[in-house]
Amino acid sequence: MTIRPSKRPSEQTRSRVKQLRRNATQPEKILWSALRGRNIGGLKFRRQHPLEPYIVDFYCAEARLVIELDGESHNGREEHDFQRTKYLQEKGLTVFRITNDDVFDNLERVAEAILKAAFTKLGKPLP
């Protein structure tokens, strides 16, 4: 079963998406600067994208790739994150988790790993 945008997200979800975009964390801002504008492999990424009942940090529809940043806010939420990942995978999506420290310490390596994950999913050779 795949996730398809069967209807427009609810007003509550759209409001939450706007709030999350306005209040992005520093690692989200840094990673978004690398992903936006088709900077990685020509792939289009969206930030704070609704895939109800969830809002994912970053999403590439072409590769069906979800990127989740994990920081201190995820401490103690391992079971919730596991269930969320399981749900998204059951919908045919690949979930790629990155720590905030990885973004701070080596953004270039993170970008390469995202590119590899996306192109592997697409069955394309790396550029």
PDB file of N, CA and C in Angstrom:
ATOM      1  N   MET A   1       0.844  -1.172   0.000  1.00  0.00           N
ATOM      2  CA  MET A   1       0.000   0.000   0.000  1.00  0.00           C
ATOM      3  C   MET A   1       0.893   1.241   0.000  1.00  0.00           C
ATOM      4  N   THR A   2       0.585   2.215  -0.826  1.00  0.00           N
ATOM      5  CA  THR A   2       1.384   3.430  -0.897  1.00  0.00           C
ATOM      6  C   THR A   2       0.576   4.619  -0.416  1.00  0.00           C
ATOM      7  N   ILE A   3       1.299   5.623   0.032  1.00  0.00           N
ATOM      8  CA  ILE A   3       0.648   6.856   0.460  1.00  0.00           C
ATOM      9  C   ILE A   3       0.391   7.695  -0.778  1.00  0.00           C
ATOM     10  N   ARG A   4      -0.804   8.110  -0.934  1.00  0.00           N
ATOM     11  CA  ARG A   4      -1.178   8.989  -2.033  1.00  0.00           C
ATOM     12  C   ARG A   4      -1.936  10.169  -1.443  1.00  0.00           C
ATOM     13  N   PRO A   5      -1.682  11.344  -1.983  1.00  0.00           N
ATOM     14  CA  PRO A   5      -2.408  12.507  -1.472  1.00  0.00           C
ATOM     15  C   PRO A   5      -3.867  12.457  -1.903  1.00  0.00           C
ATOM     16  N   SER A   6      -4.675  11.752  -1.110  1.00  0.00           N
ATOM     17  CA  SER A   6      -6.075  11.566  -1.477  1.00  0.00           C
ATOM     18  C   SER A   6      -6.900  12.825  -1.241  1.00  0.00           C
ATOM     19  N   LYS A   7      -6.435  13.643  -0.335  1.00  0.00           N
ATOM     20  CA  LYS A   7      -7.139  14.883  -0.071  1.00  0.00           C
ATOM     21  C   LYS A   7      -6.153  15.893   0.486  1.00  0.00           C
ATOM     22  N   ARG A   8      -6.551  17.093   0.482  1.00  0.00           N
ATOM     23  CA  ARG A   8      -5.722  18.156   1.015  1.00  0.00           C
ATOM     24  C   ARG A   8      -5.588  17.978   2.528  1.00  0.00           C
ATOM     25  N   PRO A   9      -4.399  18.249   3.076  1.00  0.00           N
ATOM     26  CA  PRO A   9      -4.242  18.128   4.530  1.00  0.00           C
ATOM     27  C   PRO A   9      -5.225  19.039   5.269  1.00  0.00           C
ATOM     28  N   SER A  10      -5.575  18.634   6.460  1.00  0.00           N
ATOM     29  CA  SER A  10      -6.522  19.418   7.249  1.00  0.00           C
ATOM     30  C   SER A  10      -5.943  20.793   7.573  1.00  0.00           C
ATOM     31  N   GLU A  11      -6.815  21.708   7.919  1.00  0.00           N
ATOM     32  CA  GLU A  11      -6.381  23.057   8.297  1.00  0.00           C
ATOM     33  C   GLU A  11      -5.440  22.986   9.493  1.00  0.00           C
ATOM     34  N   GLN A  12      -5.717  22.104  10.424  1.00  0.00           N
ATOM     35  CA  GLN A  12      -4.868  21.935  11.607  1.00  0.00           C
ATOM     36  C   GLN A  12      -3.467  21.463  11.194  1.00  0.00           C
ATOM     37  N   THR A  13      -3.400  20.524  10.267  1.00  0.00           N
ATOM     38  CA  THR A  13      -2.106  20.026   9.795  1.00  0.00           C
ATOM     39  C   THR A  13      -1.359  21.117   9.052  1.00  0.00           C
ATOM     40  N   ARG A  14      -2.038  21.859   8.182  1.00  0.00           N
ATOM     41  CA  ARG A  14      -1.371  22.944   7.449  1.00  0.00           C
ATOM     42  C   ARG A  14      -0.841  24.004   8.399  1.00  0.00           C
ATOM     43  N   SER A  15      -1.590  24.298   9.435  1.00  0.00           N
ATOM     44  CA  SER A  15      -1.160  25.267  10.433  1.00  0.00           C
ATOM     45  C   SER A  15       0.083  24.773  11.172  1.00  0.00           C
ATOM     46  N   ARG A  16       0.085  23.493  11.511  1.00  0.00           N
ATOM     47  CA  ARG A  16       1.235  22.905  12.208  1.00  0.00           C
ATOM     48  C   ARG A  16       2.464  22.899  11.306  1.00  0.00           C
ATOM     49  N   VAL A  17       2.296  22.593  10.020  1.00  0.00           N
ATOM     50  CA  VAL A  17       3.397  22.607   9.065  1.00  0.00           C
ATOM     51  C   VAL A  17       4.017  24.001   9.012  1.00  0.00           C
ATOM     52  N   LYS A  18       3.194  25.021   8.898  1.00  0.00           N
ATOM     53  CA  LYS A  18       3.698  26.404   8.855  1.00  0.00           C
ATOM     54  C   LYS A  18       4.476  26.739  10.116  1.00  0.00           C
ATOM     55  N   GLN A  19       3.947  26.320  11.249  1.00  0.00           N
ATOM     56  CA  GLN A  19       4.610  26.577  12.531  1.00  0.00           C
ATOM     57  C   GLN A  19       5.979  25.881  12.579  1.00  0.00           C
ATOM     58  N   LEU A  20       6.029  24.629  12.142  1.00  0.00           N
ATOM     59  CA  LEU A  20       7.290  23.893  12.152  1.00  0.00           C
ATOM     60  C   LEU A  20       8.316  24.519  11.206  1.00  0.00           C
ATOM     61  N   ARG A  21       7.865  25.018  10.066  1.00  0.00           N
ATOM     62  CA  ARG A  21       8.789  25.667   9.127  1.00  0.00           C
ATOM     63  C   ARG A  21       9.332  26.966   9.702  1.00  0.00           C
ATOM     64  N   ARG A  22       8.462  27.741  10.350  1.00  0.00           N
ATOM     65  CA  ARG A  22       8.896  29.004  10.956  1.00  0.00           C
ATOM     66  C   ARG A  22       9.870  28.784  12.110  1.00  0.00           C
ATOM     67  N   ASN A  23       9.684  27.705  12.842  1.00  0.00           N
ATOM     68  CA  ASN A  23      10.488  27.443  14.039  1.00  0.00           C
ATOM     69  C   ASN A  23      11.481  26.302  13.826  1.00  0.00           C
ATOM     70  N   ALA A  24      12.058  26.248  12.653  1.00  0.00           N
ATOM     71  CA  ALA A  24      13.002  25.177  12.334  1.00  0.00           C
ATOM     72  C   ALA A  24      14.199  25.211  13.278  1.00  0.00           C
ATOM     73  N   THR A  25      14.687  24.032  13.629  1.00  0.00           N
ATOM     74  CA  THR A  25      15.884  23.937  14.451  1.00  0.00           C
ATOM     75  C   THR A  25      17.103  24.265  13.590  1.00  0.00           C
ATOM     76  N   GLN A  26      18.224  24.531  14.233  1.00  0.00           N
ATOM     77  CA  GLN A  26      19.450  24.845  13.487  1.00  0.00           C
ATOM     78  C   GLN A  26      19.861  23.687  12.573  1.00  0.00           C
ATOM     79  N   PRO A  27      19.837  22.430  13.041  1.00  0.00           N
ATOM     80  CA  PRO A  27      20.176  21.329  12.118  1.00  0.00           C
ATOM     81  C   PRO A  27      19.209  21.240  10.932  1.00  0.00           C
ATOM     82  N   GLU A  28      17.918  21.518  11.153  1.00  0.00           N
ATOM     83  CA  GLU A  28      16.957  21.509  10.038  1.00  0.00           C
ATOM     84  C   GLU A  28      17.297  22.591   9.031  1.00  0.00           C
ATOM     85  N   LYS A  29      17.666  23.769   9.511  1.00  0.00           N
ATOM     86  CA  LYS A  29      18.035  24.867   8.603  1.00  0.00           C
ATOM     87  C   LYS A  29      19.270  24.509   7.789  1.00  0.00           C
ATOM     88  N   ILE A  30      20.249  23.915   8.454  1.00  0.00           N
ATOM     89  CA  ILE A  30      21.491  23.540   7.769  1.00  0.00           C
ATOM     90  C   ILE A  30      21.217  22.478   6.710  1.00  0.00           C
ATOM     91  N   LEU A  31      20.481  21.442   7.088  1.00  0.00           N
ATOM     92  CA  LEU A  31      20.193  20.377   6.122  1.00  0.00           C
ATOM     93  C   LEU A  31      19.317  20.899   4.988  1.00  0.00           C
ATOM     94  N   TRP A  32      18.347  21.745   5.291  1.00  0.00           N
ATOM     95  CA  TRP A  32      17.490  22.301   4.245  1.00  0.00           C
ATOM     96  C   TRP A  32      18.319  23.105   3.240  1.00  0.00           C
ATOM     97  N   SER A  33      19.331  23.823   3.718  1.00  0.00           N
ATOM     98  CA  SER A  33      20.170  24.597   2.799  1.00  0.00           C
ATOM     99  C   SER A  33      20.898  23.672   1.818  1.00  0.00           C
ATOM    100  N   ALA A  34      21.180  22.447   2.247  1.00  0.00           N
ATOM    101  CA  ALA A  34      21.839  21.481   1.358  1.00  0.00           C
ATOM    102  C   ALA A  34      20.848  20.806   0.411  1.00  0.00           C
ATOM    103  N   LEU A  35      19.609  20.604   0.869  1.00  0.00           N
ATOM    104  CA  LEU A  35      18.620  19.863   0.080  1.00  0.00           C
ATOM    105  C   LEU A  35      17.841  20.727  -0.913  1.00  0.00           C
ATOM    106  N   ARG A  36      17.601  21.968  -0.558  1.00  0.00           N
ATOM    107  CA  ARG A  36      16.704  22.803  -1.357  1.00  0.00           C
ATOM    108  C   ARG A  36      17.273  23.095  -2.743  1.00  0.00           C
ATOM    109  N   GLY A  37      16.395  23.451  -3.643  1.00  0.00           N
ATOM    110  CA  GLY A  37      16.814  23.850  -4.990  1.00  0.00           C
ATOM    111  C   GLY A  37      17.422  22.724  -5.805  1.00  0.00           C
ATOM    112  N   ARG A  38      17.022  21.492  -5.506  1.00  0.00           N
ATOM    113  CA  ARG A  38      17.517  20.319  -6.236  1.00  0.00           C
ATOM    114  C   ARG A  38      19.038  20.219  -6.191  1.00  0.00           C
ATOM    115  N   ASN A  39      19.622  20.604  -5.063  1.00  0.00           N
ATOM    116  CA  ASN A  39      21.079  20.606  -4.906  1.00  0.00           C
ATOM    117  C   ASN A  39      21.678  19.216  -4.811  1.00  0.00           C
ATOM    118  N   ILE A  40      20.886  18.232  -4.447  1.00  0.00           N
ATOM    119  CA  ILE A  40      21.416  16.873  -4.296  1.00  0.00           C
ATOM    120  C   ILE A  40      20.833  15.993  -5.406  1.00  0.00           C
ATOM    121  N   GLY A  41      21.685  15.708  -6.374  1.00  0.00           N
ATOM    122  CA  GLY A  41      21.302  14.798  -7.455  1.00  0.00           C
ATOM    123  C   GLY A  41      20.130  15.254  -8.296  1.00  0.00           C
ATOM    124  N   GLY A  42      19.793  16.533  -8.240  1.00  0.00           N
ATOM    125  CA  GLY A  42      18.659  17.044  -9.004  1.00  0.00           C
ATOM    126  C   GLY A  42      17.309  16.641  -8.432  1.00  0.00           C
ATOM    127  N   LEU A  43      17.310  16.105  -7.215  1.00  0.00           N
ATOM    128  CA  LEU A  43      16.069  15.644  -6.587  1.00  0.00           C
ATOM    129  C   LEU A  43      15.369  16.773  -5.845  1.00  0.00           C
ATOM    130  N   LYS A  44      14.052  16.784  -5.923  1.00  0.00           N
ATOM    131  CA  LYS A  44      13.256  17.797  -5.229  1.00  0.00           C
ATOM    132  C   LYS A  44      12.877  17.268  -3.849  1.00  0.00           C
ATOM    133  N   PHE A  45      13.220  18.037  -2.836  1.00  0.00           N
ATOM    134  CA  PHE A  45      12.852  17.713  -1.463  1.00  0.00           C
ATOM    135  C   PHE A  45      11.875  18.754  -0.942  1.00  0.00           C
ATOM    136  N   ARG A  46      11.010  18.316  -0.070  1.00  0.00           N
ATOM    137  CA  ARG A  46      10.068  19.203   0.620  1.00  0.00           C
ATOM    138  C   ARG A  46      10.392  19.132   2.099  1.00  0.00           C
ATOM    139  N   ARG A  47      10.204  20.235   2.801  1.00  0.00           N
ATOM    140  CA  ARG A  47      10.459  20.208   4.247  1.00  0.00           C
ATOM    141  C   ARG A  47       9.152  20.289   5.007  1.00  0.00           C
ATOM    142  N   GLN A  48       9.147  19.652   6.173  1.00  0.00           N
ATOM    143  CA  GLN A  48       7.958  19.591   7.020  1.00  0.00           C
ATOM    144  C   GLN A  48       6.738  19.237   6.162  1.00  0.00           C
ATOM    145  N   HIS A  49       6.835  18.086   5.548  1.00  0.00           N
ATOM    146  CA  HIS A  49       5.818  17.647   4.596  1.00  0.00           C
ATOM    147  C   HIS A  49       4.788  16.740   5.271  1.00  0.00           C
ATOM    148  N   PRO A  50       3.497  17.031   5.110  1.00  0.00           N
ATOM    149  CA  PRO A  50       2.474  16.183   5.729  1.00  0.00           C
ATOM    150  C   PRO A  50       2.267  14.874   4.977  1.00  0.00           C
ATOM    151  N   LEU A  51       2.427  13.782   5.695  1.00  0.00           N
ATOM    152  CA  LEU A  51       2.055  12.446   5.236  1.00  0.00           C
ATOM    153  C   LEU A  51       1.181  11.912   6.362  1.00  0.00           C
ATOM    154  N   GLU A  52      -0.048  12.394   6.369  1.00  0.00           N
ATOM    155  CA  GLU A  52      -0.916  12.159   7.512  1.00  0.00           C
ATOM    156  C   GLU A  52      -1.031  10.684   7.850  1.00  0.00           C
ATOM    157  N   PRO A  53      -0.968  10.403   9.119  1.00  0.00           N
ATOM    158  CA  PRO A  53      -1.163  11.291  10.269  1.00  0.00           C
ATOM    159  C   PRO A  53       0.115  11.970  10.754  1.00  0.00           C
ATOM    160  N   TYR A  54       1.194  11.923   9.995  1.00  0.00           N
ATOM    161  CA  TYR A  54       2.469  12.482  10.428  1.00  0.00           C
ATOM    162  C   TYR A  54       2.885  13.667   9.569  1.00  0.00           C
ATOM    163  N   ILE A  55       3.841  14.414  10.093  1.00  0.00           N
ATOM    164  CA  ILE A  55       4.537  15.445   9.335  1.00  0.00           C
ATOM    165  C   ILE A  55       5.997  15.052   9.388  1.00  0.00           C
ATOM    166  N   VAL A  56       6.591  14.794   8.221  1.00  0.00           N
ATOM    167  CA  VAL A  56       7.976  14.348   8.178  1.00  0.00           C
ATOM    168  C   VAL A  56       8.897  15.539   7.970  1.00  0.00           C
ATOM    169  N   ASP A  57      10.130  15.420   8.440  1.00  0.00           N
ATOM    170  CA  ASP A  57      11.073  16.538   8.350  1.00  0.00           C
ATOM    171  C   ASP A  57      11.362  16.913   6.898  1.00  0.00           C
ATOM    172  N   PHE A  58      11.742  15.912   6.087  1.00  0.00           N
ATOM    173  CA  PHE A  58      12.031  16.152   4.674  1.00  0.00           C
ATOM    174  C   PHE A  58      11.499  14.966   3.869  1.00  0.00           C
ATOM    175  N   TYR A  59      11.067  15.245   2.634  1.00  0.00           N
ATOM    176  CA  TYR A  59      10.480  14.191   1.808  1.00  0.00           C
ATOM    177  C   TYR A  59      10.833  14.411   0.350  1.00  0.00           C
ATOM    178  N   CYS A  60      11.278  13.333  -0.298  1.00  0.00           N
ATOM    179  CA  CYS A  60      11.508  13.332  -1.739  1.00  0.00           C
ATOM    180  C   CYS A  60      10.486  12.377  -2.342  1.00  0.00           C
ATOM    181  N   ALA A  61       9.479  12.910  -3.014  1.00  0.00           N
ATOM    182  CA  ALA A  61       8.404  12.087  -3.574  1.00  0.00           C
ATOM    183  C   ALA A  61       8.920  11.158  -4.667  1.00  0.00           C
ATOM    184  N   GLU A  62       9.826  11.650  -5.509  1.00  0.00           N
ATOM    185  CA  GLU A  62      10.341  10.845  -6.608  1.00  0.00           C
ATOM    186  C   GLU A  62      10.988   9.554  -6.096  1.00  0.00           C
ATOM    187  N   ALA A  63      11.772   9.655  -5.044  1.00  0.00           N
ATOM    188  CA  ALA A  63      12.465   8.490  -4.488  1.00  0.00           C
ATOM    189  C   ALA A  63      11.677   7.838  -3.358  1.00  0.00           C
ATOM    190  N   ARG A  64      10.541   8.437  -2.989  1.00  0.00           N
ATOM    191  CA  ARG A  64       9.735   7.937  -1.870  1.00  0.00           C
ATOM    192  C   ARG A  64      10.598   7.789  -0.622  1.00  0.00           C
ATOM    193  N   LEU A  65      11.394   8.852  -0.380  1.00  0.00           N
ATOM    194  CA  LEU A  65      12.375   8.870   0.696  1.00  0.00           C
ATOM    195  C   LEU A  65      12.001   9.915   1.740  1.00  0.00           C
ATOM    196  N   VAL A  66      11.895   9.465   2.979  1.00  0.00           N
ATOM    197  CA  VAL A  66      11.634  10.336   4.117  1.00  0.00           C
ATOM    198  C   VAL A  66      12.946  10.504   4.872  1.00  0.00           C
ATOM    199  N   ILE A  67      13.288  11.735   5.199  1.00  0.00           N
ATOM    200  CA  ILE A  67      14.477  11.998   6.005  1.00  0.00           C
ATOM    201  C   ILE A  67      14.020  12.579   7.328  1.00  0.00           C
ATOM    202  N   GLU A  68      14.427  11.937   8.395  1.00  0.00           N
ATOM    203  CA  GLU A  68      14.074  12.375   9.748  1.00  0.00           C
ATOM    204  C   GLU A  68      15.339  12.751  10.501  1.00  0.00           C
ATOM    205  N   LEU A  69      15.338  13.930  11.088  1.00  0.00           N
ATOM    206  CA  LEU A  69      16.433  14.377  11.937  1.00  0.00           C
ATOM    207  C   LEU A  69      16.114  14.028  13.379  1.00  0.00           C
ATOM    208  N   ASP A  70      17.066  13.412  14.039  1.00  0.00           N
ATOM    209  CA  ASP A  70      16.876  13.022  15.434  1.00  0.00           C
ATOM    210  C   ASP A  70      17.824  13.816  16.316  1.00  0.00           C
ATOM    211  N   GLY A  71      17.238  14.544  17.248  1.00  0.00           N
ATOM    212  CA  GLY A  71      18.024  15.301  18.218  1.00  0.00           C
ATOM    213  C   GLY A  71      17.550  14.978  19.615  1.00  0.00           C
ATOM    214  N   GLU A  72      17.831  15.876  20.531  1.00  0.00           N
ATOM    215  CA  GLU A  72      17.466  15.658  21.929  1.00  0.00           C
ATOM    216  C   GLU A  72      15.961  15.498  22.119  1.00  0.00           C
ATOM    217  N   SER A  73      15.164  16.114  21.279  1.00  0.00           N
ATOM    218  CA  SER A  73      13.708  16.015  21.420  1.00  0.00           C
ATOM    219  C   SER A  73      13.203  14.592  21.202  1.00  0.00           C
ATOM    220  N   HIS A  74      14.059  13.746  20.631  1.00  0.00           N
ATOM    221  CA  HIS A  74      13.651  12.357  20.385  1.00  0.00           C
ATOM    222  C   HIS A  74      14.021  11.429  21.541  1.00  0.00           C
ATOM    223  N   ASN A  75      14.784  11.936  22.507  1.00  0.00           N
ATOM    224  CA  ASN A  75      15.141  11.114  23.663  1.00  0.00           C
ATOM    225  C   ASN A  75      13.875  10.723  24.413  1.00  0.00           C
ATOM    226  N   GLY A  76      13.751   9.434  24.688  1.00  0.00           N
ATOM    227  CA  GLY A  76      12.573   8.929  25.385  1.00  0.00           C
ATOM    228  C   GLY A  76      11.383   8.684  24.476  1.00  0.00           C
ATOM    229  N   ARG A  77      11.542   8.934  23.179  1.00  0.00           N
ATOM    230  CA  ARG A  77      10.446   8.745  22.227  1.00  0.00           C
ATOM    231  C   ARG A  77      10.769   7.638  21.231  1.00  0.00           C
ATOM    232  N   GLU A  78      11.645   6.739  21.625  1.00  0.00           N
ATOM    233  CA  GLU A  78      12.094   5.692  20.719  1.00  0.00           C
ATOM    234  C   GLU A  78      10.934   4.825  20.233  1.00  0.00           C
ATOM    235  N   GLU A  79      10.013   4.494  21.107  1.00  0.00           N
ATOM    236  CA  GLU A  79       8.874   3.655  20.707  1.00  0.00           C
ATOM    237  C   GLU A  79       7.987   4.398  19.697  1.00  0.00           C
ATOM    238  N   HIS A  80       7.740   5.676  19.946  1.00  0.00           N
ATOM    239  CA  HIS A  80       6.949   6.487  19.012  1.00  0.00           C
ATOM    240  C   HIS A  80       7.642   6.555  17.656  1.00  0.00           C
ATOM    241  N   ASP A  81       8.954   6.810  17.661  1.00  0.00           N
ATOM    242  CA  ASP A  81       9.708   6.874  16.407  1.00  0.00           C
ATOM    243  C   ASP A  81       9.683   5.531  15.680  1.00  0.00           C
ATOM    244  N   PHE A  82       9.777   4.434  16.432  1.00  0.00           N
ATOM    245  CA  PHE A  82       9.733   3.099  15.836  1.00  0.00           C
ATOM    246  C   PHE A  82       8.388   2.874  15.153  1.00  0.00           C
ATOM    247  N   GLN A  83       7.298   3.209  15.828  1.00  0.00           N
ATOM    248  CA  GLN A  83       5.958   3.012  15.259  1.00  0.00           C
ATOM    249  C   GLN A  83       5.752   3.891  14.026  1.00  0.00           C
ATOM    250  N   ARG A  84       6.237   5.110  14.083  1.00  0.00           N
ATOM    251  CA  ARG A  84       6.132   6.038  12.954  1.00  0.00           C
ATOM    252  C   ARG A  84       6.901   5.497  11.745  1.00  0.00           C
ATOM    253  N   THR A  85       8.132   5.054  11.984  1.00  0.00           N
ATOM    254  CA  THR A  85       8.949   4.491  10.915  1.00  0.00           C
ATOM    255  C   THR A  85       8.281   3.263  10.324  1.00  0.00           C
ATOM    256  N   LYS A  86       7.784   2.401  11.176  1.00  0.00           N
ATOM    257  CA  LYS A  86       7.108   1.183  10.725  1.00  0.00           C
ATOM    258  C   LYS A  86       5.903   1.534   9.852  1.00  0.00           C
ATOM    259  N   TYR A  87       5.099   2.495  10.275  1.00  0.00           N
ATOM    260  CA  TYR A  87       3.919   2.919   9.514  1.00  0.00           C
ATOM    261  C   TYR A  87       4.335   3.428   8.128  1.00  0.00           C
ATOM    262  N   LEU A  88       5.337   4.289   8.081  1.00  0.00           N
ATOM    263  CA  LEU A  88       5.774   4.864   6.811  1.00  0.00           C
ATOM    264  C   LEU A  88       6.356   3.782   5.892  1.00  0.00           C
ATOM    265  N   GLN A  89       7.110   2.851   6.453  1.00  0.00           N
ATOM    266  CA  GLN A  89       7.668   1.764   5.653  1.00  0.00           C
ATOM    267  C   GLN A  89       6.568   0.869   5.099  1.00  0.00           C
ATOM    268  N   GLU A  90       5.524   0.646   5.886  1.00  0.00           N
ATOM    269  CA  GLU A  90       4.395  -0.153   5.408  1.00  0.00           C
ATOM    270  C   GLU A  90       3.697   0.515   4.232  1.00  0.00           C
ATOM    271  N   LYS A  91       3.852   1.821   4.120  1.00  0.00           N
ATOM    272  CA  LYS A  91       3.272   2.574   3.005  1.00  0.00           C
ATOM    273  C   LYS A  91       4.216   2.649   1.802  1.00  0.00           C
ATOM    274  N   GLY A  92       5.328   1.914   1.880  1.00  0.00           N
ATOM    275  CA  GLY A  92       6.255   1.859   0.753  1.00  0.00           C
ATOM    276  C   GLY A  92       7.323   2.929   0.747  1.00  0.00           C
ATOM    277  N   LEU A  93       7.486   3.632   1.846  1.00  0.00           N
ATOM    278  CA  LEU A  93       8.483   4.696   1.931  1.00  0.00           C
ATOM    279  C   LEU A  93       9.744   4.181   2.613  1.00  0.00           C
ATOM    280  N   THR A  94      10.867   4.741   2.236  1.00  0.00           N
ATOM    281  CA  THR A  94      12.126   4.476   2.920  1.00  0.00           C
ATOM    282  C   THR A  94      12.346   5.609   3.906  1.00  0.00           C
ATOM    283  N   VAL A  95      12.641   5.258   5.145  1.00  0.00           N
ATOM    284  CA  VAL A  95      12.882   6.262   6.178  1.00  0.00           C
ATOM    285  C   VAL A  95      14.369   6.272   6.490  1.00  0.00           C
ATOM    286  N   PHE A  96      14.983   7.428   6.335  1.00  0.00           N
ATOM    287  CA  PHE A  96      16.414   7.618   6.542  1.00  0.00           C
ATOM    288  C   PHE A  96      16.570   8.543   7.742  1.00  0.00           C
ATOM    289  N   ARG A  97      17.139   8.020   8.831  1.00  0.00           N
ATOM    290  CA  ARG A  97      17.279   8.793  10.068  1.00  0.00           C
ATOM    291  C   ARG A  97      18.707   9.317  10.178  1.00  0.00           C
ATOM    292  N   ILE A  98      18.806  10.595  10.556  1.00  0.00           N
ATOM    293  CA  ILE A  98      20.090  11.274  10.699  1.00  0.00           C
ATOM    294  C   ILE A  98      20.081  11.983  12.045  1.00  0.00           C
ATOM    295  N   THR A  99      21.190  11.958  12.740  1.00  0.00           N
ATOM    296  CA  THR A  99      21.262  12.691  14.003  1.00  0.00           C
ATOM    297  C   THR A  99      21.657  14.139  13.735  1.00  0.00           C
ATOM    298  N   ASN A 100      21.253  14.987  14.641  1.00  0.00           N
ATOM    299  CA  ASN A 100      21.645  16.391  14.541  1.00  0.00           C
ATOM    300  C   ASN A 100      23.165  16.520  14.531  1.00  0.00           C
ATOM    301  N   ASP A 101      23.841  15.710  15.338  1.00  0.00           N
ATOM    302  CA  ASP A 101      25.305  15.759  15.403  1.00  0.00           C
ATOM    303  C   ASP A 101      25.924  15.448  14.049  1.00  0.00           C
ATOM    304  N   ASP A 102      25.336  14.503  13.299  1.00  0.00           N
ATOM    305  CA  ASP A 102      25.852  14.189  11.965  1.00  0.00           C
ATOM    306  C   ASP A 102      25.770  15.412  11.049  1.00  0.00           C
ATOM    307  N   VAL A 103      24.677  16.149  11.138  1.00  0.00           N
ATOM    308  CA  VAL A 103      24.513  17.354  10.310  1.00  0.00           C
ATOM    309  C   VAL A 103      25.565  18.389  10.687  1.00  0.00           C
ATOM    310  N   PHE A 104      25.768  18.587  11.994  1.00  0.00           N
ATOM    311  CA  PHE A 104      26.760  19.563  12.452  1.00  0.00           C
ATOM    312  C   PHE A 104      28.184  19.145  12.106  1.00  0.00           C
ATOM    313  N   ASP A 105      28.486  17.850  12.258  1.00  0.00           N
ATOM    314  CA  ASP A 105      29.862  17.382  12.143  1.00  0.00           C
ATOM    315  C   ASP A 105      30.321  17.139  10.714  1.00  0.00           C
ATOM    316  N   ASN A 106      29.416  16.688   9.841  1.00  0.00           N
ATOM    317  CA  ASN A 106      29.855  16.371   8.492  1.00  0.00           C
ATOM    318  C   ASN A 106      28.680  16.410   7.516  1.00  0.00           C
ATOM    319  N   LEU A 107      28.256  17.599   7.169  1.00  0.00           N
ATOM    320  CA  LEU A 107      27.125  17.781   6.266  1.00  0.00           C
ATOM    321  C   LEU A 107      27.383  17.149   4.900  1.00  0.00           C
ATOM    322  N   GLU A 108      28.613  17.229   4.433  1.00  0.00           N
ATOM    323  CA  GLU A 108      28.930  16.660   3.123  1.00  0.00           C
ATOM    324  C   GLU A 108      28.699  15.150   3.115  1.00  0.00           C
ATOM    325  N   ARG A 109      29.111  14.458   4.167  1.00  0.00           N
ATOM    326  CA  ARG A 109      28.902  13.008   4.246  1.00  0.00           C
ATOM    327  C   ARG A 109      27.412  12.679   4.339  1.00  0.00           C
ATOM    328  N   VAL A 110      26.658  13.504   5.077  1.00  0.00           N
ATOM    329  CA  VAL A 110      25.209  13.310   5.181  1.00  0.00           C
ATOM    330  C   VAL A 110      24.565  13.465   3.804  1.00  0.00           C
ATOM    331  N   ALA A 111      24.955  14.495   3.058  1.00  0.00           N
ATOM    332  CA  ALA A 111      24.405  14.727   1.719  1.00  0.00           C
ATOM    333  C   ALA A 111      24.721  13.552   0.795  1.00  0.00           C
ATOM    334  N   GLU A 112      25.935  13.019   0.873  1.00  0.00           N
ATOM    335  CA  GLU A 112      26.310  11.861   0.054  1.00  0.00           C
ATOM    336  C   GLU A 112      25.467  10.642   0.417  1.00  0.00           C
ATOM    337  N   ALA A 113      25.223  10.437   1.712  1.00  0.00           N
ATOM    338  CA  ALA A 113      24.422   9.286   2.157  1.00  0.00           C
ATOM    339  C   ALA A 113      22.974   9.417   1.687  1.00  0.00           C
ATOM    340  N   ILE A 114      22.443  10.640   1.717  1.00  0.00           N
ATOM    341  CA  ILE A 114      21.072  10.875   1.238  1.00  0.00           C
ATOM    342  C   ILE A 114      21.001  10.599  -0.265  1.00  0.00           C
ATOM    343  N   LEU A 115      21.975  11.100  -1.002  1.00  0.00           N
ATOM    344  CA  LEU A 115      22.018  10.865  -2.449  1.00  0.00           C
ATOM    345  C   LEU A 115      22.074   9.369  -2.751  1.00  0.00           C
ATOM    346  N   LYS A 116      22.923   8.659  -2.038  1.00  0.00           N
ATOM    347  CA  LYS A 116      23.053   7.216  -2.249  1.00  0.00           C
ATOM    348  C   LYS A 116      21.742   6.500  -1.934  1.00  0.00           C
ATOM    349  N   ALA A 117      21.094   6.862  -0.826  1.00  0.00           N
ATOM    350  CA  ALA A 117      19.818   6.233  -0.452  1.00  0.00           C
ATOM    351  C   ALA A 117      18.752   6.493  -1.513  1.00  0.00           C
ATOM    352  N   ALA A 118      18.674   7.735  -1.998  1.00  0.00           N
ATOM    353  CA  ALA A 118      17.665   8.092  -2.997  1.00  0.00           C
ATOM    354  C   ALA A 118      17.913   7.377  -4.318  1.00  0.00           C
ATOM    355  N   PHE A 119      19.149   7.396  -4.804  1.00  0.00           N
ATOM    356  CA  PHE A 119      19.448   6.782  -6.087  1.00  0.00           C
ATOM    357  C   PHE A 119      19.342   5.261  -6.014  1.00  0.00           C
ATOM    358  N   THR A 120      19.673   4.667  -4.869  1.00  0.00           N
ATOM    359  CA  THR A 120      19.485   3.232  -4.693  1.00  0.00           C
ATOM    360  C   THR A 120      18.013   2.889  -4.808  1.00  0.00           C
ATOM    361  N   LYS A 121      17.165   3.683  -4.163  1.00  0.00           N
ATOM    362  CA  LYS A 121      15.721   3.461  -4.208  1.00  0.00           C
ATOM    363  C   LYS A 121      15.196   3.611  -5.640  1.00  0.00           C
ATOM    364  N   LEU A 122      15.758   4.561  -6.378  1.00  0.00           N
ATOM    365  CA  LEU A 122      15.329   4.807  -7.754  1.00  0.00           C
ATOM    366  C   LEU A 122      15.942   3.834  -8.759  1.00  0.00           C
ATOM    367  N   GLY A 123      16.934   3.074  -8.311  1.00  0.00           N
ATOM    368  CA  GLY A 123      17.622   2.149  -9.221  1.00  0.00           C
ATOM    369  C   GLY A 123      18.496   2.862 -10.216  1.00  0.00           C
ATOM    370  N   LYS A 124      19.006   4.042  -9.831  1.00  0.00           N
ATOM    371  CA  LYS A 124      19.868   4.829 -10.714  1.00  0.00           C
ATOM    372  C   LYS A 124      21.313   4.741 -10.230  1.00  0.00           C
ATOM    373  N   PRO A 125      22.258   4.808 -11.156  1.00  0.00           N
ATOM    374  CA  PRO A 125      23.660   4.869 -10.734  1.00  0.00           C
ATOM    375  C   PRO A 125      23.950   6.247 -10.144  1.00  0.00           C
ATOM    376  N   LEU A 126      24.880   6.281  -9.212  1.00  0.00           N
ATOM    377  CA  LEU A 126      25.277   7.561  -8.617  1.00  0.00           C
ATOM    378  C   LEU A 126      25.958   8.425  -9.646  1.00  0.00           C
ATOM    379  N   PRO A 127      25.682   9.728  -9.610  1.00  0.00           N
ATOM    380  CA  PRO A 127      26.338  10.631 -10.572  1.00  0.00           C
ATOM    381  C   PRO A 127      27.813  10.814 -10.251  1.00  0.00           C
TER     382      PRO A 127
END
